[in-house]
Amino acid sequence: MTIYEVIKKAIVTEKGVAKKDSERTLCFEVATDANKVMVKAAVEQLFKVKVADVRTANQVGKLRRRGRFSGYRSDWKKAYVTLKVGQKMPEYTEI
């Protein structure tokens, strides 16, 4: 798997931006079969920073309805990546 297959996109939400500013933590949507080692290697190679910690969470797809028709959104995986002290915090537009 390439680094662009491991990291699908950056998650830019209020919670993610607050974690980025206060805890030096980046939030990404990653491939569902990617593990922590793959995520760490991809972030280090893509942003050229050193990673201290990676935490992952599996998100279950929600039930959505359109009138009498219902279905589920896809399941996806989220990764919180904490950078080592002294590393420059990358901006998402620098990719």
PDB file of N, CA and C in Angstrom:
ATOM      1  N   MET A   1       0.843  -1.180   0.000  1.00  0.00           N
ATOM      2  CA  MET A   1       0.000   0.000   0.000  1.00  0.00           C
ATOM      3  C   MET A   1       0.892   1.250   0.000  1.00  0.00           C
ATOM      4  N   THR A   2       0.578   2.225  -0.851  1.00  0.00           N
ATOM      5  CA  THR A   2       1.345   3.465  -0.878  1.00  0.00           C
ATOM      6  C   THR A   2       0.877   4.396   0.234  1.00  0.00           C
ATOM      7  N   ILE A   3       1.638   5.465   0.461  1.00  0.00           N
ATOM      8  CA  ILE A   3       1.269   6.388   1.528  1.00  0.00           C
ATOM      9  C   ILE A   3      -0.031   7.109   1.216  1.00  0.00           C
ATOM     10  N   TYR A   4      -0.334   7.261  -0.063  1.00  0.00           N
ATOM     11  CA  TYR A   4      -1.580   7.935  -0.440  1.00  0.00           C
ATOM     12  C   TYR A   4      -2.779   7.006  -0.334  1.00  0.00           C
ATOM     13  N   GLU A   5      -2.554   5.712  -0.310  1.00  0.00           N
ATOM     14  CA  GLU A   5      -3.633   4.757  -0.059  1.00  0.00           C
ATOM     15  C   GLU A   5      -3.874   4.600   1.429  1.00  0.00           C
ATOM     16  N   VAL A   6      -2.824   4.748   2.244  1.00  0.00           N
ATOM     17  CA  VAL A   6      -2.967   4.635   3.698  1.00  0.00           C
ATOM     18  C   VAL A   6      -3.713   5.845   4.234  1.00  0.00           C
ATOM     19  N   ILE A   7      -3.257   7.051   3.887  1.00  0.00           N
ATOM     20  CA  ILE A   7      -3.903   8.287   4.352  1.00  0.00           C
ATOM     21  C   ILE A   7      -4.832   8.770   3.261  1.00  0.00           C
ATOM     22  N   LYS A   8      -6.130   8.698   3.524  1.00  0.00           N
ATOM     23  CA  LYS A   8      -7.109   9.122   2.523  1.00  0.00           C
ATOM     24  C   LYS A   8      -7.292  10.630   2.506  1.00  0.00           C
ATOM     25  N   LYS A   9      -7.530  11.226   3.697  1.00  0.00           N
ATOM     26  CA  LYS A   9      -7.706  12.676   3.763  1.00  0.00           C
ATOM     27  C   LYS A   9      -7.561  13.138   5.200  1.00  0.00           C
ATOM     28  N   ALA A  10      -7.293  14.418   5.355  1.00  0.00           N
ATOM     29  CA  ALA A  10      -7.221  15.028   6.671  1.00  0.00           C
ATOM     30  C   ALA A  10      -8.636  15.375   7.126  1.00  0.00           C
ATOM     31  N   ILE A  11      -8.895  15.183   8.396  1.00  0.00           N
ATOM     32  CA  ILE A  11     -10.204  15.512   8.949  1.00  0.00           C
ATOM     33  C   ILE A  11     -10.092  16.886   9.600  1.00  0.00           C
ATOM     34  N   VAL A  12     -10.785  17.864   9.024  1.00  0.00           N
ATOM     35  CA  VAL A  12     -10.747  19.235   9.527  1.00  0.00           C
ATOM     36  C   VAL A  12     -12.100  19.540  10.158  1.00  0.00           C
ATOM     37  N   THR A  13     -12.170  19.335  11.465  1.00  0.00           N
ATOM     38  CA  THR A  13     -13.365  19.638  12.242  1.00  0.00           C
ATOM     39  C   THR A  13     -12.954  20.516  13.420  1.00  0.00           C
ATOM     40  N   GLU A  14     -13.925  20.990  14.171  1.00  0.00           N
ATOM     41  CA  GLU A  14     -13.607  21.808  15.343  1.00  0.00           C
ATOM     42  C   GLU A  14     -12.772  21.024  16.339  1.00  0.00           C
ATOM     43  N   LYS A  15     -13.145  19.774  16.567  1.00  0.00           N
ATOM     44  CA  LYS A  15     -12.400  18.943  17.505  1.00  0.00           C
ATOM     45  C   LYS A  15     -10.980  18.679  16.997  1.00  0.00           C
ATOM     46  N   GLY A  16     -10.848  18.397  15.706  1.00  0.00           N
ATOM     47  CA  GLY A  16      -9.542  18.124  15.128  1.00  0.00           C
ATOM     48  C   GLY A  16      -8.617  19.330  15.166  1.00  0.00           C
ATOM     49  N   VAL A  17      -9.144  20.506  14.870  1.00  0.00           N
ATOM     50  CA  VAL A  17      -8.337  21.723  14.900  1.00  0.00           C
ATOM     51  C   VAL A  17      -7.944  22.071  16.335  1.00  0.00           C
ATOM     52  N   ALA A  18      -8.841  21.855  17.295  1.00  0.00           N
ATOM     53  CA  ALA A  18      -8.516  22.112  18.698  1.00  0.00           C
ATOM     54  C   ALA A  18      -7.413  21.175  19.180  1.00  0.00           C
ATOM     55  N   LYS A  19      -7.481  19.894  18.799  1.00  0.00           N
ATOM     56  CA  LYS A  19      -6.430  18.945  19.161  1.00  0.00           C
ATOM     57  C   LYS A  19      -5.105  19.318  18.501  1.00  0.00           C
ATOM     58  N   LYS A  20      -5.171  19.806  17.280  1.00  0.00           N
ATOM     59  CA  LYS A  20      -3.965  20.203  16.565  1.00  0.00           C
ATOM     60  C   LYS A  20      -3.278  21.359  17.276  1.00  0.00           C
ATOM     61  N   ASP A  21      -4.049  22.332  17.730  1.00  0.00           N
ATOM     62  CA  ASP A  21      -3.480  23.507  18.377  1.00  0.00           C
ATOM     63  C   ASP A  21      -2.995  23.214  19.792  1.00  0.00           C
ATOM     64  N   SER A  22      -3.757  22.447  20.558  1.00  0.00           N
ATOM     65  CA  SER A  22      -3.418  22.265  21.970  1.00  0.00           C
ATOM     66  C   SER A  22      -2.551  21.039  22.247  1.00  0.00           C
ATOM     67  N   GLU A  23      -2.758  19.949  21.525  1.00  0.00           N
ATOM     68  CA  GLU A  23      -2.077  18.689  21.845  1.00  0.00           C
ATOM     69  C   GLU A  23      -1.087  18.235  20.782  1.00  0.00           C
ATOM     70  N   ARG A  24      -0.852  19.049  19.729  1.00  0.00           N
ATOM     71  CA  ARG A  24       0.058  18.688  18.635  1.00  0.00           C
ATOM     72  C   ARG A  24      -0.343  17.361  17.999  1.00  0.00           C
ATOM     73  N   THR A  25      -1.649  17.205  17.766  1.00  0.00           N
ATOM     74  CA  THR A  25      -2.196  15.958  17.234  1.00  0.00           C
ATOM     75  C   THR A  25      -2.919  16.235  15.921  1.00  0.00           C
ATOM     76  N   LEU A  26      -2.598  15.435  14.905  1.00  0.00           N
ATOM     77  CA  LEU A  26      -3.251  15.532  13.601  1.00  0.00           C
ATOM     78  C   LEU A  26      -4.286  14.430  13.482  1.00  0.00           C
ATOM     79  N   CYS A  27      -5.341  14.678  12.727  1.00  0.00           N
ATOM     80  CA  CYS A  27      -6.423  13.712  12.564  1.00  0.00           C
ATOM     81  C   CYS A  27      -6.597  13.395  11.078  1.00  0.00           C
ATOM     82  N   PHE A  28      -6.619  12.092  10.746  1.00  0.00           N
ATOM     83  CA  PHE A  28      -6.730  11.654   9.366  1.00  0.00           C
ATOM     84  C   PHE A  28      -7.760  10.551   9.229  1.00  0.00           C
ATOM     85  N   GLU A  29      -8.383  10.490   8.055  1.00  0.00           N
ATOM     86  CA  GLU A  29      -9.142   9.297   7.667  1.00  0.00           C
ATOM     87  C   GLU A  29      -8.154   8.392   6.957  1.00  0.00           C
ATOM     88  N   VAL A  30      -8.077   7.134   7.420  1.00  0.00           N
ATOM     89  CA  VAL A  30      -7.094   6.198   6.867  1.00  0.00           C
ATOM     90  C   VAL A  30      -7.809   4.974   6.314  1.00  0.00           C
ATOM     91  N   ALA A  31      -7.058   4.147   5.600  1.00  0.00           N
ATOM     92  CA  ALA A  31      -7.613   2.912   5.050  1.00  0.00           C
ATOM     93  C   ALA A  31      -8.025   1.988   6.188  1.00  0.00           C
ATOM     94  N   THR A  32      -9.101   1.239   5.990  1.00  0.00           N
ATOM     95  CA  THR A  32      -9.620   0.388   7.060  1.00  0.00           C
ATOM     96  C   THR A  32      -8.679  -0.759   7.401  1.00  0.00           C
ATOM     97  N   ASP A  33      -7.837  -1.179   6.466  1.00  0.00           N
ATOM     98  CA  ASP A  33      -6.907  -2.272   6.755  1.00  0.00           C
ATOM     99  C   ASP A  33      -5.505  -1.774   7.090  1.00  0.00           C
ATOM    100  N   ALA A  34      -5.326  -0.465   7.288  1.00  0.00           N
ATOM    101  CA  ALA A  34      -4.028   0.097   7.678  1.00  0.00           C
ATOM    102  C   ALA A  34      -3.850  -0.040   9.189  1.00  0.00           C
ATOM    103  N   ASN A  35      -2.626  -0.391   9.601  1.00  0.00           N
ATOM    104  CA  ASN A  35      -2.348  -0.484  11.034  1.00  0.00           C
ATOM    105  C   ASN A  35      -1.557   0.741  11.481  1.00  0.00           C
ATOM    106  N   LYS A  36      -1.223   0.794  12.784  1.00  0.00           N
ATOM    107  CA  LYS A  36      -0.558   1.969  13.337  1.00  0.00           C
ATOM    108  C   LYS A  36       0.834   2.174  12.750  1.00  0.00           C
ATOM    109  N   VAL A  37       1.536   1.102  12.479  1.00  0.00           N
ATOM    110  CA  VAL A  37       2.881   1.204  11.913  1.00  0.00           C
ATOM    111  C   VAL A  37       2.822   1.808  10.518  1.00  0.00           C
ATOM    112  N   MET A  38       1.866   1.396   9.721  1.00  0.00           N
ATOM    113  CA  MET A  38       1.707   1.934   8.368  1.00  0.00           C
ATOM    114  C   MET A  38       1.342   3.414   8.403  1.00  0.00           C
ATOM    115  N   VAL A  39       0.449   3.796   9.327  1.00  0.00           N
ATOM    116  CA  VAL A  39       0.029   5.192   9.449  1.00  0.00           C
ATOM    117  C   VAL A  39       1.214   6.051   9.879  1.00  0.00           C
ATOM    118  N   LYS A  40       1.993   5.569  10.848  1.00  0.00           N
ATOM    119  CA  LYS A  40       3.159   6.312  11.322  1.00  0.00           C
ATOM    120  C   LYS A  40       4.162   6.533  10.190  1.00  0.00           C
ATOM    121  N   ALA A  41       4.460   5.487   9.434  1.00  0.00           N
ATOM    122  CA  ALA A  41       5.414   5.598   8.328  1.00  0.00           C
ATOM    123  C   ALA A  41       4.907   6.549   7.250  1.00  0.00           C
ATOM    124  N   ALA A  42       3.622   6.495   6.951  1.00  0.00           N
ATOM    125  CA  ALA A  42       3.050   7.355   5.916  1.00  0.00           C
ATOM    126  C   ALA A  42       3.101   8.827   6.318  1.00  0.00           C
ATOM    127  N   VAL A  43       2.772   9.139   7.565  1.00  0.00           N
ATOM    128  CA  VAL A  43       2.789  10.533   8.025  1.00  0.00           C
ATOM    129  C   VAL A  43       4.222  11.056   8.059  1.00  0.00           C
ATOM    130  N   GLU A  44       5.164  10.243   8.550  1.00  0.00           N
ATOM    131  CA  GLU A  44       6.557  10.681   8.605  1.00  0.00           C
ATOM    132  C   GLU A  44       7.110  10.938   7.208  1.00  0.00           C
ATOM    133  N   GLN A  45       6.750  10.101   6.259  1.00  0.00           N
ATOM    134  CA  GLN A  45       7.254  10.267   4.900  1.00  0.00           C
ATOM    135  C   GLN A  45       6.562  11.424   4.183  1.00  0.00           C
ATOM    136  N   LEU A  46       5.272  11.592   4.395  1.00  0.00           N
ATOM    137  CA  LEU A  46       4.511  12.614   3.678  1.00  0.00           C
ATOM    138  C   LEU A  46       4.805  14.019   4.191  1.00  0.00           C
ATOM    139  N   PHE A  47       4.834  14.199   5.519  1.00  0.00           N
ATOM    140  CA  PHE A  47       5.019  15.526   6.105  1.00  0.00           C
ATOM    141  C   PHE A  47       6.450  15.793   6.564  1.00  0.00           C
ATOM    142  N   LYS A  48       7.328  14.772   6.533  1.00  0.00           N
ATOM    143  CA  LYS A  48       8.724  14.892   6.957  1.00  0.00           C
ATOM    144  C   LYS A  48       8.830  15.383   8.396  1.00  0.00           C
ATOM    145  N   VAL A  49       8.111  14.699   9.288  1.00  0.00           N
ATOM    146  CA  VAL A  49       8.138  14.973  10.727  1.00  0.00           C
ATOM    147  C   VAL A  49       8.344  13.656  11.465  1.00  0.00           C
ATOM    148  N   LYS A  50       8.610  13.731  12.767  1.00  0.00           N
ATOM    149  CA  LYS A  50       8.744  12.545  13.601  1.00  0.00           C
ATOM    150  C   LYS A  50       7.467  12.360  14.409  1.00  0.00           C
ATOM    151  N   VAL A  51       6.940  11.133  14.423  1.00  0.00           N
ATOM    152  CA  VAL A  51       5.682  10.823  15.092  1.00  0.00           C
ATOM    153  C   VAL A  51       5.970  10.174  16.444  1.00  0.00           C
ATOM    154  N   ALA A  52       5.291  10.653  17.482  1.00  0.00           N
ATOM    155  CA  ALA A  52       5.454  10.090  18.818  1.00  0.00           C
ATOM    156  C   ALA A  52       4.447   8.974  19.080  1.00  0.00           C
ATOM    157  N   ASP A  53       3.193   9.156  18.643  1.00  0.00           N
ATOM    158  CA  ASP A  53       2.138   8.206  19.002  1.00  0.00           C
ATOM    159  C   ASP A  53       1.066   8.203  17.926  1.00  0.00           C
ATOM    160  N   VAL A  54       0.449   7.034  17.721  1.00  0.00           N
ATOM    161  CA  VAL A  54      -0.665   6.896  16.787  1.00  0.00           C
ATOM    162  C   VAL A  54      -1.794   6.165  17.509  1.00  0.00           C
ATOM    163  N   ARG A  55      -2.976   6.741  17.451  1.00  0.00           N
ATOM    164  CA  ARG A  55      -4.172   6.087  17.997  1.00  0.00           C
ATOM    165  C   ARG A  55      -5.185   5.958  16.871  1.00  0.00           C
ATOM    166  N   THR A  56      -5.820   4.805  16.764  1.00  0.00           N
ATOM    167  CA  THR A  56      -6.789   4.579  15.698  1.00  0.00           C
ATOM    168  C   THR A  56      -8.150   4.250  16.303  1.00  0.00           C
ATOM    169  N   ALA A  57      -9.189   4.536  15.532  1.00  0.00           N
ATOM    170  CA  ALA A  57     -10.557   4.246  15.952  1.00  0.00           C
ATOM    171  C   ALA A  57     -11.369   3.853  14.732  1.00  0.00           C
ATOM    172  N   ASN A  58     -12.122   2.776  14.840  1.00  0.00           N
ATOM    173  CA  ASN A  58     -13.014   2.346  13.772  1.00  0.00           C
ATOM    174  C   ASN A  58     -14.370   3.004  13.975  1.00  0.00           C
ATOM    175  N   GLN A  59     -14.866   3.667  12.935  1.00  0.00           N
ATOM    176  CA  GLN A  59     -16.157   4.336  12.983  1.00  0.00           C
ATOM    177  C   GLN A  59     -17.170   3.487  12.223  1.00  0.00           C
ATOM    178  N   VAL A  60     -18.271   3.180  12.873  1.00  0.00           N
ATOM    179  CA  VAL A  60     -19.318   2.370  12.256  1.00  0.00           C
ATOM    180  C   VAL A  60     -20.252   3.286  11.476  1.00  0.00           C
ATOM    181  N   GLY A  61     -20.628   2.864  10.269  1.00  0.00           N
ATOM    182  CA  GLY A  61     -21.505   3.665   9.427  1.00  0.00           C
ATOM    183  C   GLY A  61     -22.883   3.848  10.048  1.00  0.00           C
ATOM    184  N   LYS A  62     -23.423   5.062   9.917  1.00  0.00           N
ATOM    185  CA  LYS A  62     -24.718   5.380  10.505  1.00  0.00           C
ATOM    186  C   LYS A  62     -25.859   5.000   9.556  1.00  0.00           C
ATOM    187  N   LEU A  63     -27.020   4.737  10.141  1.00  0.00           N
ATOM    188  CA  LEU A  63     -28.221   4.487   9.358  1.00  0.00           C
ATOM    189  C   LEU A  63     -28.740   5.822   8.822  1.00  0.00           C
ATOM    190  N   ARG A  64     -28.996   5.889   7.517  1.00  0.00           N
ATOM    191  CA  ARG A  64     -29.545   7.091   6.897  1.00  0.00           C
ATOM    192  C   ARG A  64     -30.792   6.710   6.115  1.00  0.00           C
ATOM    193  N   ARG A  65     -31.807   7.601   6.183  1.00  0.00           N
ATOM    194  CA  ARG A  65     -33.075   7.341   5.512  1.00  0.00           C
ATOM    195  C   ARG A  65     -33.388   8.450   4.530  1.00  0.00           C
ATOM    196  N   ARG A  66     -34.003   8.064   3.426  1.00  0.00           N
ATOM    197  CA  ARG A  66     -34.569   9.004   2.451  1.00  0.00           C
ATOM    198  C   ARG A  66     -35.997   8.532   2.212  1.00  0.00           C
ATOM    199  N   GLY A  67     -36.907   9.095   2.981  1.00  0.00           N
ATOM    200  CA  GLY A  67     -38.296   8.659   2.885  1.00  0.00           C
ATOM    201  C   GLY A  67     -38.441   7.247   3.409  1.00  0.00           C
ATOM    202  N   ARG A  68     -38.978   6.352   2.586  1.00  0.00           N
ATOM    203  CA  ARG A  68     -39.150   4.972   3.039  1.00  0.00           C
ATOM    204  C   ARG A  68     -37.939   4.103   2.746  1.00  0.00           C
ATOM    205  N   PHE A  69     -36.940   4.663   2.094  1.00  0.00           N
ATOM    206  CA  PHE A  69     -35.723   3.917   1.774  1.00  0.00           C
ATOM    207  C   PHE A  69     -34.669   4.195   2.835  1.00  0.00           C
ATOM    208  N   SER A  70     -33.995   3.143   3.270  1.00  0.00           N
ATOM    209  CA  SER A  70     -32.959   3.321   4.282  1.00  0.00           C
ATOM    210  C   SER A  70     -31.712   2.557   3.870  1.00  0.00           C
ATOM    211  N   GLY A  71     -30.589   2.997   4.391  1.00  0.00           N
ATOM    212  CA  GLY A  71     -29.318   2.352   4.117  1.00  0.00           C
ATOM    213  C   GLY A  71     -28.286   2.817   5.120  1.00  0.00           C
ATOM    214  N   TYR A  72     -27.119   2.237   5.049  1.00  0.00           N
ATOM    215  CA  TYR A  72     -26.049   2.571   5.968  1.00  0.00           C
ATOM    216  C   TYR A  72     -24.906   3.245   5.221  1.00  0.00           C
ATOM    217  N   ARG A  73     -24.276   4.209   5.886  1.00  0.00           N
ATOM    218  CA  ARG A  73     -23.050   4.786   5.360  1.00  0.00           C
ATOM    219  C   ARG A  73     -21.934   3.758   5.527  1.00  0.00           C
ATOM    220  N   SER A  74     -20.850   3.941   4.825  1.00  0.00           N
ATOM    221  CA  SER A  74     -19.731   3.013   4.907  1.00  0.00           C
ATOM    222  C   SER A  74     -19.008   3.145   6.242  1.00  0.00           C
ATOM    223  N   ASP A  75     -18.451   2.033   6.722  1.00  0.00           N
ATOM    224  CA  ASP A  75     -17.576   2.063   7.887  1.00  0.00           C
ATOM    225  C   ASP A  75     -16.245   2.682   7.467  1.00  0.00           C
ATOM    226  N   TRP A  76     -15.575   3.371   8.394  1.00  0.00           N
ATOM    227  CA  TRP A  76     -14.301   3.993   8.085  1.00  0.00           C
ATOM    228  C   TRP A  76     -13.422   4.027   9.323  1.00  0.00           C
ATOM    229  N   LYS A  77     -12.159   4.351   9.120  1.00  0.00           N
ATOM    230  CA  LYS A  77     -11.183   4.333  10.209  1.00  0.00           C
ATOM    231  C   LYS A  77     -10.542   5.704  10.335  1.00  0.00           C
ATOM    232  N   LYS A  78     -10.355   6.137  11.591  1.00  0.00           N
ATOM    233  CA  LYS A  78      -9.788   7.438  11.893  1.00  0.00           C
ATOM    234  C   LYS A  78      -8.498   7.224  12.670  1.00  0.00           C
ATOM    235  N   ALA A  79      -7.497   8.086  12.437  1.00  0.00           N
ATOM    236  CA  ALA A  79      -6.223   7.994  13.148  1.00  0.00           C
ATOM    237  C   ALA A  79      -5.863   9.353  13.727  1.00  0.00           C
ATOM    238  N   TYR A  80      -5.499   9.361  15.018  1.00  0.00           N
ATOM    239  CA  TYR A  80      -4.971  10.543  15.680  1.00  0.00           C
ATOM    240  C   TYR A  80      -3.467  10.360  15.793  1.00  0.00           C
ATOM    241  N   VAL A  81      -2.695  11.268  15.195  1.00  0.00           N
ATOM    242  CA  VAL A  81      -1.245  11.152  15.144  1.00  0.00           C
ATOM    243  C   VAL A  81      -0.638  12.292  15.960  1.00  0.00           C
ATOM    244  N   THR A  82       0.096  11.951  17.024  1.00  0.00           N
ATOM    245  CA  THR A  82       0.750  12.930  17.874  1.00  0.00           C
ATOM    246  C   THR A  82       2.205  13.064  17.445  1.00  0.00           C
ATOM    247  N   LEU A  83       2.657  14.304  17.268  1.00  0.00           N
ATOM    248  CA  LEU A  83       4.028  14.561  16.846  1.00  0.00           C
ATOM    249  C   LEU A  83       4.948  14.689  18.053  1.00  0.00           C
ATOM    250  N   LYS A  84       6.240  14.404  17.834  1.00  0.00           N
ATOM    251  CA  LYS A  84       7.229  14.553  18.891  1.00  0.00           C
ATOM    252  C   LYS A  84       7.444  16.029  19.190  1.00  0.00           C
ATOM    253  N   VAL A  85       7.933  16.306  20.397  1.00  0.00           N
ATOM    254  CA  VAL A  85       8.201  17.679  20.810  1.00  0.00           C
ATOM    255  C   VAL A  85       9.324  18.246  19.954  1.00  0.00           C
ATOM    256  N   GLY A  86       9.161  19.478  19.513  1.00  0.00           N
ATOM    257  CA  GLY A  86      10.163  20.130  18.684  1.00  0.00           C
ATOM    258  C   GLY A  86       9.916  20.012  17.198  1.00  0.00           C
ATOM    259  N   GLN A  87       8.935  19.216  16.789  1.00  0.00           N
ATOM    260  CA  GLN A  87       8.614  19.072  15.378  1.00  0.00           C
ATOM    261  C   GLN A  87       7.689  20.198  14.940  1.00  0.00           C
ATOM    262  N   LYS A  88       7.910  20.702  13.722  1.00  0.00           N
ATOM    263  CA  LYS A  88       7.066  21.766  13.181  1.00  0.00           C
ATOM    264  C   LYS A  88       5.707  21.185  12.801  1.00  0.00           C
ATOM    265  N   MET A  89       4.654  21.841  13.235  1.00  0.00           N
ATOM    266  CA  MET A  89       3.301  21.400  12.939  1.00  0.00           C
ATOM    267  C   MET A  89       2.980  21.701  11.476  1.00  0.00           C
ATOM    268  N   PRO A  90       2.749  20.679  10.637  1.00  0.00           N
ATOM    269  CA  PRO A  90       2.472  20.936   9.219  1.00  0.00           C
ATOM    270  C   PRO A  90       1.052  21.460   9.020  1.00  0.00           C
ATOM    271  N   GLU A  91       0.899  22.253   7.984  1.00  0.00           N
ATOM    272  CA  GLU A  91      -0.423  22.689   7.557  1.00  0.00           C
ATOM    273  C   GLU A  91      -0.900  21.714   6.493  1.00  0.00           C
ATOM    274  N   TYR A  92      -2.188  21.498   6.409  1.00  0.00           N
ATOM    275  CA  TYR A  92      -2.724  20.518   5.472  1.00  0.00           C
ATOM    276  C   TYR A  92      -2.546  20.957   4.022  1.00  0.00           C
ATOM    277  N   THR A  93      -2.324  22.244   3.810  1.00  0.00           N
ATOM    278  CA  THR A  93      -2.159  22.732   2.435  1.00  0.00           C
ATOM    279  C   THR A  93      -0.744  22.541   1.922  1.00  0.00           C
ATOM    280  N   GLU A  94       0.175  22.034   2.754  1.00  0.00           N
ATOM    281  CA  GLU A  94       1.572  21.853   2.345  1.00  0.00           C
ATOM    282  C   GLU A  94       1.815  20.541   1.636  1.00  0.00           C
ATOM    283  N   ILE A  95       0.803  19.706   1.469  1.00  0.00           N
ATOM    284  CA  ILE A  95       0.983  18.385   0.873  1.00  0.00           C
ATOM    285  C   ILE A  95       1.387  18.503  -0.571  1.00  0.00           C
TER     286      ILE A  95
END
